Amino acid sequence: MAGHSHWAGIKHKKGRADKLRSNLFSKLSKEITVAAKLGDRDPSMNPRLRSAIQAARSANMPKNNIERAIDKSEINSDTNYESIRYEGFGPKRIAVIVETLTNNKNRTASNIRTIFQKNGGSLGTQGSASHNFRQMGVIKIEKKEISEEKIFELATESGADECISNEINHTIYCKKDNIYSVKNILENNISNFLSTGIEWVPFNYVEVSMDERNEVIKFLESLDDDDDVQNIYSNIKI
């Protein structure tokens, strides 16, 4: 699991320049709006919304932005967002999964295909890349929130499959259907979470040279700059 290369991890290490920060806030706001629209506007009654708000707070999104995003779920009641997954292969044949939230699937499909093609990659059908991954519940907590010993103890008690700590955060892996039951137990001891979600975790990782790594990161950055893209997963080891 240590080589898991979810793009959010790369962005975290790169820091938050103004453009990255604005882009991140936009994606977090959209997730909050969709979560509030699909479920209860009360975070205590809506696990997806609660997780989205926690992620926004971890990214230092202002409270007013969060409240506006929730309000949009009623204001934009006629706007329907679809969750669409794209799969393909990027530079050096790395497997890539792109999750989007879009109100115009033709625009999104065209943009994603163009980014793949311009970077020497190819967009495939669903299933073409995802067989290189498995879906797991992934919960991330900032290192300073809790000790390694305590988080390992809580992860074991909650029924999680694995708990890994590094210099930045603690990452807990569990079966995707158990993610919110595990989260509920953790919330008795932890108030701040970096992220909670079902992620695509590679079975195996592809190692590339430094020059190739820069080429791949440029490609992933281009995908991340698209407003409709919410999450990106690849099997490159970084």
C-alpha atoms as a PDB file:
ATOM      1  CA  MET A   1       0.000   0.000   0.000  1.00  0.00           C
ATOM      2  CA  ALA A   2       2.915   2.351   0.635  1.00  0.00           C
ATOM      3  CA  GLY A   3       3.254   3.196  -3.051  1.00  0.00           C
ATOM      4  CA  HIS A   4      -0.400   4.160  -3.496  1.00  0.00           C
ATOM      5  CA  SER A   5      -0.312   7.136  -5.831  1.00  0.00           C
ATOM      6  CA  HIS A   6      -3.709   8.791  -5.526  1.00  0.00           C
ATOM      7  CA  TRP A   7      -3.223  12.217  -7.105  1.00  0.00           C
ATOM      8  CA  ALA A   8      -4.347  14.020  -3.945  1.00  0.00           C
ATOM      9  CA  GLY A   9      -1.173  12.788  -2.275  1.00  0.00           C
ATOM     10  CA  ILE A  10       0.970  14.336  -4.979  1.00  0.00           C
ATOM     11  CA  LYS A  11      -0.869  17.647  -4.763  1.00  0.00           C
ATOM     12  CA  HIS A  12      -0.375  17.661  -0.995  1.00  0.00           C
ATOM     13  CA  LYS A  13       3.402  17.331  -1.396  1.00  0.00           C
ATOM     14  CA  LYS A  14       3.537  20.032  -4.072  1.00  0.00           C
ATOM     15  CA  GLY A  15       1.928  22.554  -1.728  1.00  0.00           C
ATOM     16  CA  ARG A  16      -1.016  24.792  -2.534  1.00  0.00           C
ATOM     17  CA  ALA A  17      -0.290  27.554  -4.976  1.00  0.00           C
ATOM     18  CA  ASP A  18      -3.175  29.943  -5.633  1.00  0.00           C
ATOM     19  CA  LYS A  19      -4.270  28.064  -8.753  1.00  0.00           C
ATOM     20  CA  LEU A  20      -4.173  24.695  -7.015  1.00  0.00           C
ATOM     21  CA  ARG A  21      -6.038  26.104  -4.047  1.00  0.00           C
ATOM     22  CA  SER A  22      -8.798  27.596  -6.202  1.00  0.00           C
ATOM     23  CA  ASN A  23      -9.076  24.371  -8.189  1.00  0.00           C
ATOM     24  CA  LEU A  24      -9.235  22.289  -5.014  1.00  0.00           C
ATOM     25  CA  PHE A  25     -11.921  24.497  -3.454  1.00  0.00           C
ATOM     26  CA  SER A  26     -13.999  24.236  -6.622  1.00  0.00           C
ATOM     27  CA  LYS A  27     -13.897  20.425  -6.558  1.00  0.00           C
ATOM     28  CA  LEU A  28     -14.628  20.252  -2.840  1.00  0.00           C
ATOM     29  CA  SER A  29     -17.557  22.668  -3.230  1.00  0.00           C
ATOM     30  CA  LYS A  30     -19.049  20.567  -6.012  1.00  0.00           C
ATOM     31  CA  GLU A  31     -18.811  17.403  -3.895  1.00  0.00           C
ATOM     32  CA  ILE A  32     -20.487  19.186  -0.951  1.00  0.00           C
ATOM     33  CA  THR A  33     -23.315  20.435  -3.202  1.00  0.00           C
ATOM     34  CA  VAL A  34     -23.925  17.012  -4.751  1.00  0.00           C
ATOM     35  CA  ALA A  35     -23.753  15.247  -1.377  1.00  0.00           C
ATOM     36  CA  ALA A  36     -26.285  17.693   0.117  1.00  0.00           C
ATOM     37  CA  LYS A  37     -28.556  17.355  -2.912  1.00  0.00           C
ATOM     38  CA  LEU A  38     -28.565  13.551  -2.881  1.00  0.00           C
ATOM     39  CA  GLY A  39     -29.020  13.212   0.886  1.00  0.00           C
ATOM     40  CA  ASP A  40     -29.865  15.139   4.027  1.00  0.00           C
ATOM     41  CA  ARG A  41     -28.544  18.703   4.387  1.00  0.00           C
ATOM     42  CA  ASP A  42     -27.682  17.839   7.998  1.00  0.00           C
ATOM     43  CA  PRO A  43     -24.108  16.415   8.021  1.00  0.00           C
ATOM     44  CA  SER A  44     -24.876  14.267  11.072  1.00  0.00           C
ATOM     45  CA  MET A  45     -27.509  12.446   8.996  1.00  0.00           C
ATOM     46  CA  ASN A  46     -25.494  12.312   5.767  1.00  0.00           C
ATOM     47  CA  PRO A  47     -22.094  10.513   5.943  1.00  0.00           C
ATOM     48  CA  ARG A  48     -21.062  11.597   2.441  1.00  0.00           C
ATOM     49  CA  LEU A  49     -21.770  15.251   3.233  1.00  0.00           C
ATOM     50  CA  ARG A  50     -20.024  15.006   6.591  1.00  0.00           C
ATOM     51  CA  SER A  51     -16.909  13.571   4.926  1.00  0.00           C
ATOM     52  CA  ALA A  52     -16.979  16.259   2.228  1.00  0.00           C
ATOM     53  CA  ILE A  53     -17.171  19.012   4.839  1.00  0.00           C
ATOM     54  CA  GLN A  54     -14.340  17.462   6.857  1.00  0.00           C
ATOM     55  CA  ALA A  55     -12.165  17.354   3.735  1.00  0.00           C
ATOM     56  CA  ALA A  56     -12.998  20.998   3.008  1.00  0.00           C
ATOM     57  CA  ARG A  57     -12.051  22.037   6.536  1.00  0.00           C
ATOM     58  CA  SER A  58      -8.782  20.116   6.269  1.00  0.00           C
ATOM     59  CA  ALA A  59      -8.037  22.122   3.113  1.00  0.00           C
ATOM     60  CA  ASN A  60      -8.743  25.340   5.085  1.00  0.00           C
ATOM     61  CA  MET A  61     -11.798  26.202   3.027  1.00  0.00           C
ATOM     62  CA  PRO A  62     -13.605  29.164   4.659  1.00  0.00           C
ATOM     63  CA  LYS A  63     -16.832  28.382   6.497  1.00  0.00           C
ATOM     64  CA  ASN A  64     -18.783  30.716   4.193  1.00  0.00           C
ATOM     65  CA  ASN A  65     -17.674  28.717   1.144  1.00  0.00           C
ATOM     66  CA  ILE A  66     -18.886  25.503   2.755  1.00  0.00           C
ATOM     67  CA  GLU A  67     -22.267  27.022   3.627  1.00  0.00           C
ATOM     68  CA  ARG A  68     -22.681  28.421   0.097  1.00  0.00           C
ATOM     69  CA  ALA A  69     -21.919  25.002  -1.378  1.00  0.00           C
ATOM     70  CA  ILE A  70     -24.646  23.431   0.778  1.00  0.00           C
ATOM     71  CA  ASP A  71     -27.119  26.181  -0.173  1.00  0.00           C
ATOM     72  CA  LYS A  72     -26.450  25.536  -3.869  1.00  0.00           C
ATOM     73  CA  SER A  73     -28.017  22.090  -3.476  1.00  0.00           C
ATOM     74  CA  GLU A  74     -31.405  23.856  -3.307  1.00  0.00           C
ATOM     75  CA  ILE A  75     -30.670  26.826  -5.546  1.00  0.00           C
ATOM     76  CA  ASN A  76     -29.468  24.559  -8.378  1.00  0.00           C
ATOM     77  CA  SER A  77     -32.124  21.908  -7.842  1.00  0.00           C
ATOM     78  CA  ASP A  78     -32.660  21.597 -11.611  1.00  0.00           C
ATOM     79  CA  THR A  79     -28.966  20.980 -12.303  1.00  0.00           C
ATOM     80  CA  ASN A  80     -28.161  17.303 -12.287  1.00  0.00           C
ATOM     81  CA  TYR A  81     -24.573  16.119 -11.946  1.00  0.00           C
ATOM     82  CA  GLU A  82     -23.582  12.677 -13.138  1.00  0.00           C
ATOM     83  CA  SER A  83     -20.728  10.629 -11.742  1.00  0.00           C
ATOM     84  CA  ILE A  84     -18.856   9.236 -14.750  1.00  0.00           C
ATOM     85  CA  ARG A  85     -15.670   7.171 -14.667  1.00  0.00           C
ATOM     86  CA  TYR A  86     -13.094   7.192 -17.447  1.00  0.00           C
ATOM     87  CA  GLU A  87     -10.282   4.693 -17.855  1.00  0.00           C
ATOM     88  CA  GLY A  88      -7.225   4.584 -20.025  1.00  0.00           C
ATOM     89  CA  PHE A  89      -3.464   4.569 -20.238  1.00  0.00           C
ATOM     90  CA  GLY A  90      -1.200   7.572 -19.926  1.00  0.00           C
ATOM     91  CA  PRO A  91       2.472   8.133 -20.778  1.00  0.00           C
ATOM     92  CA  LYS A  92       4.627   5.013 -20.258  1.00  0.00           C
ATOM     93  CA  ARG A  93       1.425   2.959 -20.325  1.00  0.00           C
ATOM     94  CA  ILE A  94       0.492   3.777 -16.735  1.00  0.00           C
ATOM     95  CA  ALA A  95      -3.070   2.735 -15.918  1.00  0.00           C
ATOM     96  CA  VAL A  96      -5.327   5.677 -15.059  1.00  0.00           C
ATOM     97  CA  ILE A  97      -8.834   6.016 -13.641  1.00  0.00           C
ATOM     98  CA  VAL A  98     -10.523   9.419 -13.733  1.00  0.00           C
ATOM     99  CA  GLU A  99     -13.672  10.102 -11.706  1.00  0.00           C
ATOM    100  CA  THR A 100     -15.776  13.086 -12.768  1.00  0.00           C
ATOM    101  CA  LEU A 101     -18.870  14.988 -11.655  1.00  0.00           C
ATOM    102  CA  THR A 102     -20.416  16.662 -14.671  1.00  0.00           C
ATOM    103  CA  ASN A 103     -23.588  18.308 -15.916  1.00  0.00           C
ATOM    104  CA  ASN A 104     -22.460  17.873 -19.541  1.00  0.00           C
ATOM    105  CA  LYS A 105     -21.046  14.433 -20.280  1.00  0.00           C
ATOM    106  CA  ASN A 106     -20.290  15.253 -23.934  1.00  0.00           C
ATOM    107  CA  ARG A 107     -18.066  18.173 -22.901  1.00  0.00           C
ATOM    108  CA  THR A 108     -16.330  16.097 -20.249  1.00  0.00           C
ATOM    109  CA  ALA A 109     -15.712  13.104 -22.506  1.00  0.00           C
ATOM    110  CA  SER A 110     -14.253  15.355 -25.203  1.00  0.00           C
ATOM    111  CA  ASN A 111     -11.964  17.154 -22.744  1.00  0.00           C
ATOM    112  CA  ILE A 112     -10.695  13.963 -21.116  1.00  0.00           C
ATOM    113  CA  ARG A 113     -10.041  12.282 -24.480  1.00  0.00           C
ATOM    114  CA  THR A 114      -8.110  15.331 -25.717  1.00  0.00           C
ATOM    115  CA  ILE A 115      -5.889  15.402 -22.606  1.00  0.00           C
ATOM    116  CA  PHE A 116      -5.052  11.709 -22.997  1.00  0.00           C
ATOM    117  CA  GLN A 117      -4.249  12.112 -26.700  1.00  0.00           C
ATOM    118  CA  LYS A 118      -2.133  15.257 -26.278  1.00  0.00           C
ATOM    119  CA  ASN A 119       0.018  13.487 -23.697  1.00  0.00           C
ATOM    120  CA  GLY A 120       0.609  10.316 -25.680  1.00  0.00           C
ATOM    121  CA  GLY A 121      -2.019   8.313 -23.873  1.00  0.00           C
ATOM    122  CA  SER A 122      -5.212   6.593 -24.937  1.00  0.00           C
ATOM    123  CA  LEU A 123      -8.699   6.574 -23.451  1.00  0.00           C
ATOM    124  CA  GLY A 124     -10.236   3.114 -23.214  1.00  0.00           C
ATOM    125  CA  THR A 125     -13.562   1.572 -22.337  1.00  0.00           C
ATOM    126  CA  GLN A 126     -14.684   0.916 -18.767  1.00  0.00           C
ATOM    127  CA  GLY A 127     -12.776  -2.082 -17.482  1.00  0.00           C
ATOM    128  CA  SER A 128      -9.733  -1.476 -19.689  1.00  0.00           C
ATOM    129  CA  ALA A 129      -7.664  -0.117 -16.783  1.00  0.00           C
ATOM    130  CA  SER A 130      -9.676  -0.857 -13.640  1.00  0.00           C
ATOM    131  CA  HIS A 131      -8.655  -4.521 -13.589  1.00  0.00           C
ATOM    132  CA  ASN A 132      -5.279  -3.205 -12.372  1.00  0.00           C
ATOM    133  CA  PHE A 133      -6.971  -1.815  -9.242  1.00  0.00           C
ATOM    134  CA  ARG A 134      -9.306  -2.788  -6.434  1.00  0.00           C
ATOM    135  CA  GLN A 135     -11.775  -0.493  -4.730  1.00  0.00           C
ATOM    136  CA  MET A 136     -11.202   0.083  -1.043  1.00  0.00           C
ATOM    137  CA  GLY A 137     -12.417   2.431   1.651  1.00  0.00           C
ATOM    138  CA  VAL A 138      -9.588   4.853   2.457  1.00  0.00           C
ATOM    139  CA  ILE A 139      -9.550   7.198   5.440  1.00  0.00           C
ATOM    140  CA  LYS A 140      -6.707   9.682   5.909  1.00  0.00           C
ATOM    141  CA  ILE A 141      -5.867  11.520   9.123  1.00  0.00           C
ATOM    142  CA  GLU A 142      -3.155  14.104   9.678  1.00  0.00           C
ATOM    143  CA  LYS A 143      -0.222  12.710  11.646  1.00  0.00           C
ATOM    144  CA  LYS A 144      -0.483  15.273  14.455  1.00  0.00           C
ATOM    145  CA  GLU A 145      -4.086  14.309  15.257  1.00  0.00           C
ATOM    146  CA  ILE A 146      -3.253  10.992  16.913  1.00  0.00           C
ATOM    147  CA  SER A 147      -0.286   8.726  17.714  1.00  0.00           C
ATOM    148  CA  GLU A 148       0.646   5.725  15.573  1.00  0.00           C
ATOM    149  CA  GLU A 149      -0.038   3.364  18.458  1.00  0.00           C
ATOM    150  CA  LYS A 150      -3.509   4.768  19.133  1.00  0.00           C
ATOM    151  CA  ILE A 151      -4.620   4.908  15.489  1.00  0.00           C
ATOM    152  CA  PHE A 152      -3.454   1.332  14.943  1.00  0.00           C
ATOM    153  CA  GLU A 153      -5.454   0.249  17.997  1.00  0.00           C
ATOM    154  CA  LEU A 154      -8.578   2.069  16.769  1.00  0.00           C
ATOM    155  CA  ALA A 155      -8.195   0.702  13.244  1.00  0.00           C
ATOM    156  CA  THR A 156      -8.000  -2.839  14.598  1.00  0.00           C
ATOM    157  CA  GLU A 157     -11.061  -2.321  16.814  1.00  0.00           C
ATOM    158  CA  SER A 158     -13.073  -0.842  13.946  1.00  0.00           C
ATOM    159  CA  GLY A 159     -12.495  -3.822  11.666  1.00  0.00           C
ATOM    160  CA  ALA A 160     -10.222  -2.054   9.179  1.00  0.00           C
ATOM    161  CA  ASP A 161      -7.925  -4.161   6.998  1.00  0.00           C
ATOM    162  CA  GLU A 162      -4.745  -2.114   7.302  1.00  0.00           C
ATOM    163  CA  CYS A 163      -3.295   1.025   8.876  1.00  0.00           C
ATOM    164  CA  ILE A 164      -0.181   2.700   7.487  1.00  0.00           C
ATOM    165  CA  SER A 165       1.559   5.772   8.906  1.00  0.00           C
ATOM    166  CA  ASN A 166       4.159   7.985   7.236  1.00  0.00           C
ATOM    167  CA  GLU A 167       5.670  11.383   7.968  1.00  0.00           C
ATOM    168  CA  ILE A 168       2.516  13.205   6.756  1.00  0.00           C
ATOM    169  CA  ASN A 169      -0.531  11.173   7.705  1.00  0.00           C
ATOM    170  CA  HIS A 170      -2.153   7.955   8.854  1.00  0.00           C
ATOM    171  CA  THR A 171      -4.011   5.994   6.173  1.00  0.00           C
ATOM    172  CA  ILE A 172      -6.599   3.366   7.043  1.00  0.00           C
ATOM    173  CA  TYR A 173      -7.795   0.846   4.468  1.00  0.00           C
ATOM    174  CA  CYS A 174     -11.000  -1.145   4.775  1.00  0.00           C
ATOM    175  CA  LYS A 175     -13.576  -2.932   2.632  1.00  0.00           C
ATOM    176  CA  LYS A 176     -15.518  -0.333   0.656  1.00  0.00           C
ATOM    177  CA  ASP A 177     -18.864  -1.382   2.144  1.00  0.00           C
ATOM    178  CA  ASN A 178     -17.506  -0.875   5.679  1.00  0.00           C
ATOM    179  CA  ILE A 179     -16.077   2.603   5.253  1.00  0.00           C
ATOM    180  CA  TYR A 180     -18.719   4.525   7.201  1.00  0.00           C
ATOM    181  CA  SER A 181     -19.005   1.978  10.006  1.00  0.00           C
ATOM    182  CA  VAL A 182     -15.220   2.191  10.445  1.00  0.00           C
ATOM    183  CA  LYS A 183     -15.394   5.989  10.232  1.00  0.00           C
ATOM    184  CA  ASN A 184     -18.104   6.162  12.905  1.00  0.00           C
ATOM    185  CA  ILE A 185     -15.852   4.371  15.393  1.00  0.00           C
ATOM    186  CA  LEU A 186     -12.893   6.612  14.556  1.00  0.00           C
ATOM    187  CA  GLU A 187     -15.024   9.737  15.016  1.00  0.00           C
ATOM    188  CA  ASN A 188     -15.381   8.929  18.718  1.00  0.00           C
ATOM    189  CA  ASN A 189     -11.674   9.788  19.084  1.00  0.00           C
ATOM    190  CA  ILE A 190     -10.848  11.971  16.065  1.00  0.00           C
ATOM    191  CA  SER A 191     -12.542  15.173  14.894  1.00  0.00           C
ATOM    192  CA  ASN A 192     -10.407  16.155  11.883  1.00  0.00           C
ATOM    193  CA  PHE A 193     -10.030  13.942   8.805  1.00  0.00           C
ATOM    194  CA  LEU A 194      -8.042  14.747   5.677  1.00  0.00           C
ATOM    195  CA  SER A 195     -10.282  12.630   3.471  1.00  0.00           C
ATOM    196  CA  THR A 196     -12.721   9.743   3.483  1.00  0.00           C
ATOM    197  CA  GLY A 197     -13.739   7.903   0.367  1.00  0.00           C
ATOM    198  CA  ILE A 198     -13.767   4.823  -1.801  1.00  0.00           C
ATOM    199  CA  GLU A 199     -10.571   4.813  -3.832  1.00  0.00           C
ATOM    200  CA  TRP A 200      -9.015   2.700  -6.545  1.00  0.00           C
ATOM    201  CA  VAL A 201      -5.871   1.108  -5.112  1.00  0.00           C
ATOM    202  CA  PRO A 202      -3.429  -0.544  -7.574  1.00  0.00           C
ATOM    203  CA  PHE A 203      -2.510  -4.204  -7.210  1.00  0.00           C
ATOM    204  CA  ASN A 204       0.971  -3.454  -8.556  1.00  0.00           C
ATOM    205  CA  TYR A 205       2.956  -0.294  -9.198  1.00  0.00           C
ATOM    206  CA  VAL A 206       4.950   0.932 -12.175  1.00  0.00           C
ATOM    207  CA  GLU A 207       8.324   2.519 -11.503  1.00  0.00           C
ATOM    208  CA  VAL A 208       9.599   5.155 -13.941  1.00  0.00           C
ATOM    209  CA  SER A 209      12.747   7.261 -14.305  1.00  0.00           C
ATOM    210  CA  MET A 210      12.892  10.870 -13.137  1.00  0.00           C
ATOM    211  CA  ASP A 211      12.408  12.209 -16.683  1.00  0.00           C
ATOM    212  CA  GLU A 212       9.466   9.884 -17.242  1.00  0.00           C
ATOM    213  CA  ARG A 213       8.048  10.849 -13.845  1.00  0.00           C
ATOM    214  CA  ASN A 214       7.914  14.522 -14.835  1.00  0.00           C
ATOM    215  CA  GLU A 215       6.127  13.608 -18.052  1.00  0.00           C
ATOM    216  CA  VAL A 216       3.525  11.597 -16.140  1.00  0.00           C
ATOM    217  CA  ILE A 217       3.000  14.342 -13.550  1.00  0.00           C
ATOM    218  CA  LYS A 218       2.444  16.905 -16.333  1.00  0.00           C
ATOM    219  CA  PHE A 219      -0.256  14.616 -17.733  1.00  0.00           C
ATOM    220  CA  LEU A 220      -1.906  14.134 -14.336  1.00  0.00           C
ATOM    221  CA  GLU A 221      -1.811  17.891 -13.704  1.00  0.00           C
ATOM    222  CA  SER A 222      -3.578  18.497 -17.027  1.00  0.00           C
ATOM    223  CA  LEU A 223      -6.342  16.112 -15.989  1.00  0.00           C
ATOM    224  CA  ASP A 224      -6.603  17.695 -12.561  1.00  0.00           C
ATOM    225  CA  ASP A 225      -6.990  21.172 -14.080  1.00  0.00           C
ATOM    226  CA  ASP A 226     -10.259  20.122 -15.714  1.00  0.00           C
ATOM    227  CA  ASP A 227     -13.198  21.455 -13.691  1.00  0.00           C
ATOM    228  CA  ASP A 228     -15.220  18.248 -14.083  1.00  0.00           C
ATOM    229  CA  VAL A 229     -12.482  15.963 -12.725  1.00  0.00           C
ATOM    230  CA  GLN A 230     -12.882  15.052  -9.055  1.00  0.00           C
ATOM    231  CA  ASN A 231     -10.388  12.224  -8.480  1.00  0.00           C
ATOM    232  CA  ILE A 232      -7.502  10.658 -10.374  1.00  0.00           C
ATOM    233  CA  TYR A 233      -5.858   7.308  -9.634  1.00  0.00           C
ATOM    234  CA  SER A 234      -2.879   5.721 -11.316  1.00  0.00           C
ATOM    235  CA  ASN A 235      -0.492   2.837 -10.734  1.00  0.00           C
ATOM    236  CA  ILE A 236       2.676   4.918 -10.980  1.00  0.00           C
ATOM    237  CA  LYS A 237       4.900   4.656  -7.925  1.00  0.00           C
ATOM    238  CA  ILE A 238       5.882   8.080  -6.607  1.00  0.00           C
END
